[in-house]
Structures are given as C-alpha cells and as structure tokens.
Amino acid sequence: MAGSLDHHAEVLDLVLFNRSEDPYGAHVGLWTGEAVAHLCEEVGHPVVWHQSEFDARERYAVRVGFKRPAARH
C-alpha cells in the first residue's frame, strides 16, 4: 500500500483531511510511507490509519492534500 495516497508524498509530509475541500480547520496527520499517523479524539490516543479508515468517517472524507514543511538552515 506504500504510496497509495499519492505517489508524490514523502515520509513525514503533512496530510490534511476535512469534510470538504476547504483546508480551513482541516485535520492534520503525518504520512508514514504507508499510512497516516495522527492524534485521534475518537479513539483517545495517537493512531496510524490507512486511507480506508479515513474514508469511513464523514469528517475525514476528503483528503485536502499534502504539505511539505520547509527545512530551515
């Protein structure tokens, strides 16, 4: 399943999920290379989910996109 979310995503890229394509208020996770690590209020602790687990929840139904934090030197 590696890379199944987006072939351009790199490990530790931020992944944004929301109910709509609006990035405002989006839920943020970290791409692990195979899944997304995120803090999950529903479960009560950090979890690692595959895309199907996000798809099953309306509030995470839309993957808004990926962001790569800029390195500071």
PDB file of N, CA and C in Angstrom:
ATOM      1  N   MET A   1       0.818  -1.194   0.000  1.00  0.00           N
ATOM      2  CA  MET A   1       0.000   0.000   0.000  1.00  0.00           C
ATOM      3  C   MET A   1       0.863   1.259   0.000  1.00  0.00           C
ATOM      4  N   ALA A   2       2.143   1.137   0.079  1.00  0.00           N
ATOM      5  CA  ALA A   2       3.025   2.297   0.109  1.00  0.00           C
ATOM      6  C   ALA A   2       2.776   3.198  -1.082  1.00  0.00           C
ATOM      7  N   GLY A   3       2.606   4.481  -0.801  1.00  0.00           N
ATOM      8  CA  GLY A   3       2.406   5.444  -1.865  1.00  0.00           C
ATOM      9  C   GLY A   3       1.004   5.466  -2.436  1.00  0.00           C
ATOM     10  N   SER A   4       0.088   4.705  -1.873  1.00  0.00           N
ATOM     11  CA  SER A   4      -1.242   4.625  -2.468  1.00  0.00           C
ATOM     12  C   SER A   4      -2.033   5.922  -2.342  1.00  0.00           C
ATOM     13  N   LEU A   5      -1.728   6.746  -1.352  1.00  0.00           N
ATOM     14  CA  LEU A   5      -2.430   8.020  -1.220  1.00  0.00           C
ATOM     15  C   LEU A   5      -1.990   8.992  -2.304  1.00  0.00           C
ATOM     16  N   ASP A   6      -0.717   9.039  -2.562  1.00  0.00           N
ATOM     17  CA  ASP A   6      -0.198   9.986  -3.550  1.00  0.00           C
ATOM     18  C   ASP A   6       1.240   9.608  -3.861  1.00  0.00           C
ATOM     19  N   HIS A   7       1.542   9.385  -5.104  1.00  0.00           N
ATOM     20  CA  HIS A   7       2.893   8.960  -5.463  1.00  0.00           C
ATOM     21  C   HIS A   7       3.927  10.063  -5.267  1.00  0.00           C
ATOM     22  N   HIS A   8       3.496  11.299  -4.997  1.00  0.00           N
ATOM     23  CA  HIS A   8       4.435  12.393  -4.757  1.00  0.00           C
ATOM     24  C   HIS A   8       4.692  12.626  -3.273  1.00  0.00           C
ATOM     25  N   ALA A   9       3.953  11.967  -2.411  1.00  0.00           N
ATOM     26  CA  ALA A   9       4.115  12.161  -0.969  1.00  0.00           C
ATOM     27  C   ALA A   9       5.411  11.519  -0.495  1.00  0.00           C
ATOM     28  N   GLU A  10       6.058  12.193   0.442  1.00  0.00           N
ATOM     29  CA  GLU A  10       7.270  11.665   1.064  1.00  0.00           C
ATOM     30  C   GLU A  10       7.005  11.456   2.548  1.00  0.00           C
ATOM     31  N   VAL A  11       7.744  10.539   3.150  1.00  0.00           N
ATOM     32  CA  VAL A  11       7.610  10.275   4.577  1.00  0.00           C
ATOM     33  C   VAL A  11       7.740  11.580   5.353  1.00  0.00           C
ATOM     34  N   LEU A  12       6.854  11.778   6.322  1.00  0.00           N
ATOM     35  CA  LEU A  12       6.743  12.948   7.201  1.00  0.00           C
ATOM     36  C   LEU A  12       6.111  14.167   6.542  1.00  0.00           C
ATOM     37  N   ASP A  13       5.595  14.034   5.313  1.00  0.00           N
ATOM     38  CA  ASP A  13       4.774  15.113   4.758  1.00  0.00           C
ATOM     39  C   ASP A  13       3.507  15.213   5.596  1.00  0.00           C
ATOM     40  N   LEU A  14       2.969  16.413   5.707  1.00  0.00           N
ATOM     41  CA  LEU A  14       1.697  16.614   6.392  1.00  0.00           C
ATOM     42  C   LEU A  14       0.568  16.225   5.446  1.00  0.00           C
ATOM     43  N   VAL A  15      -0.456  15.559   5.968  1.00  0.00           N
ATOM     44  CA  VAL A  15      -1.632  15.178   5.189  1.00  0.00           C
ATOM     45  C   VAL A  15      -2.830  15.863   5.828  1.00  0.00           C
ATOM     46  N   LEU A  16      -3.630  16.561   5.013  1.00  0.00           N
ATOM     47  CA  LEU A  16      -4.791  17.285   5.528  1.00  0.00           C
ATOM     48  C   LEU A  16      -6.076  16.601   5.079  1.00  0.00           C
ATOM     49  N   PHE A  17      -6.991  16.358   6.036  1.00  0.00           N
ATOM     50  CA  PHE A  17      -8.297  15.755   5.781  1.00  0.00           C
ATOM     51  C   PHE A  17      -9.374  16.682   6.304  1.00  0.00           C
ATOM     52  N   ASN A  18     -10.528  16.703   5.634  1.00  0.00           N
ATOM     53  CA  ASN A  18     -11.643  17.530   6.074  1.00  0.00           C
ATOM     54  C   ASN A  18     -12.947  16.963   5.509  1.00  0.00           C
ATOM     55  N   ARG A  19     -14.068  17.576   5.876  1.00  0.00           N
ATOM     56  CA  ARG A  19     -15.382  17.193   5.327  1.00  0.00           C
ATOM     57  C   ARG A  19     -15.543  17.675   3.888  1.00  0.00           C
ATOM     58  N   SER A  20     -14.809  18.735   3.561  1.00  0.00           N
ATOM     59  CA  SER A  20     -14.888  19.331   2.227  1.00  0.00           C
ATOM     60  C   SER A  20     -13.467  19.621   1.755  1.00  0.00           C
ATOM     61  N   GLU A  21     -13.347  20.203   0.577  1.00  0.00           N
ATOM     62  CA  GLU A  21     -12.025  20.538   0.052  1.00  0.00           C
ATOM     63  C   GLU A  21     -11.432  21.794   0.678  1.00  0.00           C
ATOM     64  N   ASP A  22     -12.163  22.430   1.583  1.00  0.00           N
ATOM     65  CA  ASP A  22     -11.693  23.630   2.271  1.00  0.00           C
ATOM     66  C   ASP A  22     -10.600  23.246   3.274  1.00  0.00           C
ATOM     67  N   PRO A  23      -9.391  23.791   3.140  1.00  0.00           N
ATOM     68  CA  PRO A  23      -8.323  23.442   4.071  1.00  0.00           C
ATOM     69  C   PRO A  23      -8.493  24.061   5.463  1.00  0.00           C
ATOM     70  N   TYR A  24      -9.367  25.073   5.600  1.00  0.00           N
ATOM     71  CA  TYR A  24      -9.551  25.724   6.897  1.00  0.00           C
ATOM     72  C   TYR A  24     -10.108  24.719   7.909  1.00  0.00           C
ATOM     73  N   GLY A  25      -9.424  24.573   9.007  1.00  0.00           N
ATOM     74  CA  GLY A  25      -9.859  23.660  10.058  1.00  0.00           C
ATOM     75  C   GLY A  25      -9.613  22.194   9.766  1.00  0.00           C
ATOM     76  N   ALA A  26      -8.800  21.903   8.762  1.00  0.00           N
ATOM     77  CA  ALA A  26      -8.546  20.511   8.382  1.00  0.00           C
ATOM     78  C   ALA A  26      -7.807  19.757   9.487  1.00  0.00           C
ATOM     79  N   HIS A  27      -8.042  18.474   9.538  1.00  0.00           N
ATOM     80  CA  HIS A  27      -7.345  17.566  10.449  1.00  0.00           C
ATOM     81  C   HIS A  27      -5.990  17.261   9.818  1.00  0.00           C
ATOM     82  N   VAL A  28      -4.932  17.257  10.620  1.00  0.00           N
ATOM     83  CA  VAL A  28      -3.573  17.089  10.100  1.00  0.00           C
ATOM     84  C   VAL A  28      -2.953  15.808  10.650  1.00  0.00           C
ATOM     85  N   GLY A  29      -2.305  15.068   9.756  1.00  0.00           N
ATOM     86  CA  GLY A  29      -1.566  13.875  10.150  1.00  0.00           C
ATOM     87  C   GLY A  29      -0.219  13.855   9.458  1.00  0.00           C
ATOM     88  N   LEU A  30       0.600  12.861   9.779  1.00  0.00           N
ATOM     89  CA  LEU A  30       1.916  12.691   9.161  1.00  0.00           C
ATOM     90  C   LEU A  30       1.923  11.427   8.312  1.00  0.00           C
ATOM     91  N   TRP A  31       2.355  11.564   7.068  1.00  0.00           N
ATOM     92  CA  TRP A  31       2.464  10.429   6.153  1.00  0.00           C
ATOM     93  C   TRP A  31       3.643   9.573   6.595  1.00  0.00           C
ATOM     94  N   THR A  32       3.412   8.270   6.795  1.00  0.00           N
ATOM     95  CA  THR A  32       4.467   7.360   7.248  1.00  0.00           C
ATOM     96  C   THR A  32       5.115   6.599   6.100  1.00  0.00           C
ATOM     97  N   GLY A  33       4.583   6.764   4.917  1.00  0.00           N
ATOM     98  CA  GLY A  33       5.051   5.987   3.776  1.00  0.00           C
ATOM     99  C   GLY A  33       4.048   4.914   3.392  1.00  0.00           C
ATOM    100  N   GLU A  34       3.210   4.510   4.345  1.00  0.00           N
ATOM    101  CA  GLU A  34       2.170   3.508   4.094  1.00  0.00           C
ATOM    102  C   GLU A  34       0.823   3.919   4.656  1.00  0.00           C
ATOM    103  N   ALA A  35       0.822   4.829   5.604  1.00  0.00           N
ATOM    104  CA  ALA A  35      -0.413   5.217   6.288  1.00  0.00           C
ATOM    105  C   ALA A  35      -0.217   6.619   6.866  1.00  0.00           C
ATOM    106  N   VAL A  36      -1.171   7.047   7.709  1.00  0.00           N
ATOM    107  CA  VAL A  36      -1.118   8.382   8.300  1.00  0.00           C
ATOM    108  C   VAL A  36      -1.168   8.263   9.819  1.00  0.00           C
ATOM    109  N   ALA A  37      -0.170   8.826  10.494  1.00  0.00           N
ATOM    110  CA  ALA A  37      -0.159   8.903  11.955  1.00  0.00           C
ATOM    111  C   ALA A  37      -0.833  10.210  12.345  1.00  0.00           C
ATOM    112  N   HIS A  38      -1.775  10.135  13.291  1.00  0.00           N
ATOM    113  CA  HIS A  38      -2.471  11.358  13.697  1.00  0.00           C
ATOM    114  C   HIS A  38      -3.041  11.203  15.095  1.00  0.00           C
ATOM    115  N   LEU A  39      -3.348  12.335  15.721  1.00  0.00           N
ATOM    116  CA  LEU A  39      -3.999  12.334  17.026  1.00  0.00           C
ATOM    117  C   LEU A  39      -5.488  12.170  16.790  1.00  0.00           C
ATOM    118  N   CYS A  40      -6.080  11.169  17.403  1.00  0.00           N
ATOM    119  CA  CYS A  40      -7.474  10.830  17.126  1.00  0.00           C
ATOM    120  C   CYS A  40      -8.332  10.998  18.373  1.00  0.00           C
ATOM    121  N   GLU A  41      -9.139  12.054  18.396  1.00  0.00           N
ATOM    122  CA  GLU A  41     -10.038  12.293  19.524  1.00  0.00           C
ATOM    123  C   GLU A  41     -11.036  11.139  19.679  1.00  0.00           C
ATOM    124  N   GLU A  42     -11.481  10.599  18.565  1.00  0.00           N
ATOM    125  CA  GLU A  42     -12.448   9.488  18.573  1.00  0.00           C
ATOM    126  C   GLU A  42     -11.918   8.279  19.350  1.00  0.00           C
ATOM    127  N   VAL A  43     -10.641   7.976  19.187  1.00  0.00           N
ATOM    128  CA  VAL A  43     -10.020   6.825  19.841  1.00  0.00           C
ATOM    129  C   VAL A  43      -9.424   7.224  21.195  1.00  0.00           C
ATOM    130  N   GLY A  44      -8.959   8.460  21.295  1.00  0.00           N
ATOM    131  CA  GLY A  44      -8.409   8.955  22.553  1.00  0.00           C
ATOM    132  C   GLY A  44      -6.902   8.879  22.677  1.00  0.00           C
ATOM    133  N   HIS A  45      -6.233   8.535  21.588  1.00  0.00           N
ATOM    134  CA  HIS A  45      -4.768   8.480  21.597  1.00  0.00           C
ATOM    135  C   HIS A  45      -4.268   8.495  20.150  1.00  0.00           C
ATOM    136  N   PRO A  46      -2.953   8.675  19.948  1.00  0.00           N
ATOM    137  CA  PRO A  46      -2.422   8.668  18.580  1.00  0.00           C
ATOM    138  C   PRO A  46      -2.657   7.308  17.909  1.00  0.00           C
ATOM    139  N   VAL A  47      -2.947   7.352  16.613  1.00  0.00           N
ATOM    140  CA  VAL A  47      -3.189   6.134  15.840  1.00  0.00           C
ATOM    141  C   VAL A  47      -2.514   6.246  14.475  1.00  0.00           C
ATOM    142  N   VAL A  48      -2.380   5.121  13.815  1.00  0.00           N
ATOM    143  CA  VAL A  48      -1.895   5.073  12.434  1.00  0.00           C
ATOM    144  C   VAL A  48      -2.997   4.415  11.617  1.00  0.00           C
ATOM    145  N   TRP A  49      -3.554   5.180  10.670  1.00  0.00           N
ATOM    146  CA  TRP A  49      -4.665   4.701   9.855  1.00  0.00           C
ATOM    147  C   TRP A  49      -4.279   4.654   8.385  1.00  0.00           C
ATOM    148  N   HIS A  50      -4.858   3.690   7.682  1.00  0.00           N
ATOM    149  CA  HIS A  50      -4.764   3.638   6.228  1.00  0.00           C
ATOM    150  C   HIS A  50      -5.914   4.459   5.644  1.00  0.00           C
ATOM    151  N   GLN A  51      -5.861   4.750   4.379  1.00  0.00           N
ATOM    152  CA  GLN A  51      -6.861   5.595   3.718  1.00  0.00           C
ATOM    153  C   GLN A  51      -8.285   5.096   3.962  1.00  0.00           C
ATOM    154  N   SER A  52      -8.502   3.804   3.963  1.00  0.00           N
ATOM    155  CA  SER A  52      -9.855   3.260   4.140  1.00  0.00           C
ATOM    156  C   SER A  52     -10.471   3.674   5.473  1.00  0.00           C
ATOM    157  N   GLU A  53      -9.653   3.843   6.495  1.00  0.00           N
ATOM    158  CA  GLU A  53     -10.169   4.253   7.802  1.00  0.00           C
ATOM    159  C   GLU A  53     -10.609   5.716   7.792  1.00  0.00           C
ATOM    160  N   PHE A  54      -9.934   6.553   7.016  1.00  0.00           N
ATOM    161  CA  PHE A  54     -10.378   7.941   6.852  1.00  0.00           C
ATOM    162  C   PHE A  54     -11.648   7.983   6.000  1.00  0.00           C
ATOM    163  N   ASP A  55     -11.687   7.189   4.943  1.00  0.00           N
ATOM    164  CA  ASP A  55     -12.846   7.152   4.042  1.00  0.00           C
ATOM    165  C   ASP A  55     -14.128   6.775   4.782  1.00  0.00           C
ATOM    166  N   ALA A  56     -14.012   5.983   5.825  1.00  0.00           N
ATOM    167  CA  ALA A  56     -15.177   5.504   6.567  1.00  0.00           C
ATOM    168  C   ALA A  56     -15.776   6.560   7.495  1.00  0.00           C
ATOM    169  N   ARG A  57     -15.143   7.720   7.600  1.00  0.00           N
ATOM    170  CA  ARG A  57     -15.606   8.766   8.514  1.00  0.00           C
ATOM    171  C   ARG A  57     -15.894  10.047   7.744  1.00  0.00           C
ATOM    172  N   GLU A  58     -17.108  10.551   7.898  1.00  0.00           N
ATOM    173  CA  GLU A  58     -17.537  11.739   7.155  1.00  0.00           C
ATOM    174  C   GLU A  58     -16.623  12.941   7.390  1.00  0.00           C
ATOM    175  N   ARG A  59     -16.183  13.139   8.615  1.00  0.00           N
ATOM    176  CA  ARG A  59     -15.370  14.333   8.908  1.00  0.00           C
ATOM    177  C   ARG A  59     -13.984  14.277   8.270  1.00  0.00           C
ATOM    178  N   TYR A  60     -13.554  13.089   7.835  1.00  0.00           N
ATOM    179  CA  TYR A  60     -12.260  12.934   7.165  1.00  0.00           C
ATOM    180  C   TYR A  60     -12.433  12.490   5.711  1.00  0.00           C
ATOM    181  N   ALA A  61     -13.610  12.637   5.163  1.00  0.00           N
ATOM    182  CA  ALA A  61     -13.949  12.061   3.856  1.00  0.00           C
ATOM    183  C   ALA A  61     -13.132  12.624   2.698  1.00  0.00           C
ATOM    184  N   VAL A  62     -12.650  13.858   2.826  1.00  0.00           N
ATOM    185  CA  VAL A  62     -11.908  14.488   1.728  1.00  0.00           C
ATOM    186  C   VAL A  62     -10.451  14.681   2.133  1.00  0.00           C
ATOM    187  N   ARG A  63      -9.554  14.111   1.344  1.00  0.00           N
ATOM    188  CA  ARG A  63      -8.129  14.390   1.562  1.00  0.00           C
ATOM    189  C   ARG A  63      -7.838  15.697   0.840  1.00  0.00           C
ATOM    190  N   VAL A  64      -7.620  16.751   1.605  1.00  0.00           N
ATOM    191  CA  VAL A  64      -7.392  18.081   1.042  1.00  0.00           C
ATOM    192  C   VAL A  64      -6.069  18.116   0.292  1.00  0.00           C
ATOM    193  N   GLY A  65      -5.057  17.455   0.827  1.00  0.00           N
ATOM    194  CA  GLY A  65      -3.772  17.411   0.146  1.00  0.00           C
ATOM    195  C   GLY A  65      -2.618  17.191   1.099  1.00  0.00           C
ATOM    196  N   PHE A  66      -1.427  17.332   0.542  1.00  0.00           N
ATOM    197  CA  PHE A  66      -0.183  17.158   1.285  1.00  0.00           C
ATOM    198  C   PHE A  66       0.556  18.486   1.352  1.00  0.00           C
ATOM    199  N   LYS A  67       1.280  18.684   2.426  1.00  0.00           N
ATOM    200  CA  LYS A  67       2.164  19.846   2.554  1.00  0.00           C
ATOM    201  C   LYS A  67       3.504  19.332   3.051  1.00  0.00           C
ATOM    202  N   ARG A  68       4.556  19.877   2.498  1.00  0.00           N
ATOM    203  CA  ARG A  68       5.897  19.504   2.936  1.00  0.00           C
ATOM    204  C   ARG A  68       6.496  20.692   3.682  1.00  0.00           C
ATOM    205  N   PRO A  69       6.745  20.541   4.980  1.00  0.00           N
ATOM    206  CA  PRO A  69       7.348  21.649   5.731  1.00  0.00           C
ATOM    207  C   PRO A  69       8.705  22.018   5.136  1.00  0.00           C
ATOM    208  N   ALA A  70       8.967  23.303   5.072  1.00  0.00           N
ATOM    209  CA  ALA A  70      10.249  23.783   4.547  1.00  0.00           C
ATOM    210  C   ALA A  70      11.333  23.605   5.604  1.00  0.00           C
ATOM    211  N   ALA A  71      12.477  23.149   5.174  1.00  0.00           N
ATOM    212  CA  ALA A  71      13.614  22.995   6.089  1.00  0.00           C
ATOM    213  C   ALA A  71      14.236  24.359   6.356  1.00  0.00           C
ATOM    214  N   ARG A  72      14.571  24.598   7.604  1.00  0.00           N
ATOM    215  CA  ARG A  72      15.252  25.851   7.963  1.00  0.00           C
ATOM    216  C   ARG A  72      16.722  25.555   8.180  1.00  0.00           C
ATOM    217  N   HIS A  73      17.552  26.408   7.637  1.00  0.00           N
ATOM    218  CA  HIS A  73      19.008  26.218   7.783  1.00  0.00           C
ATOM    219  C   HIS A  73      19.599  27.336   8.593  1.00  0.00           C
TER     220      HIS A  73
END
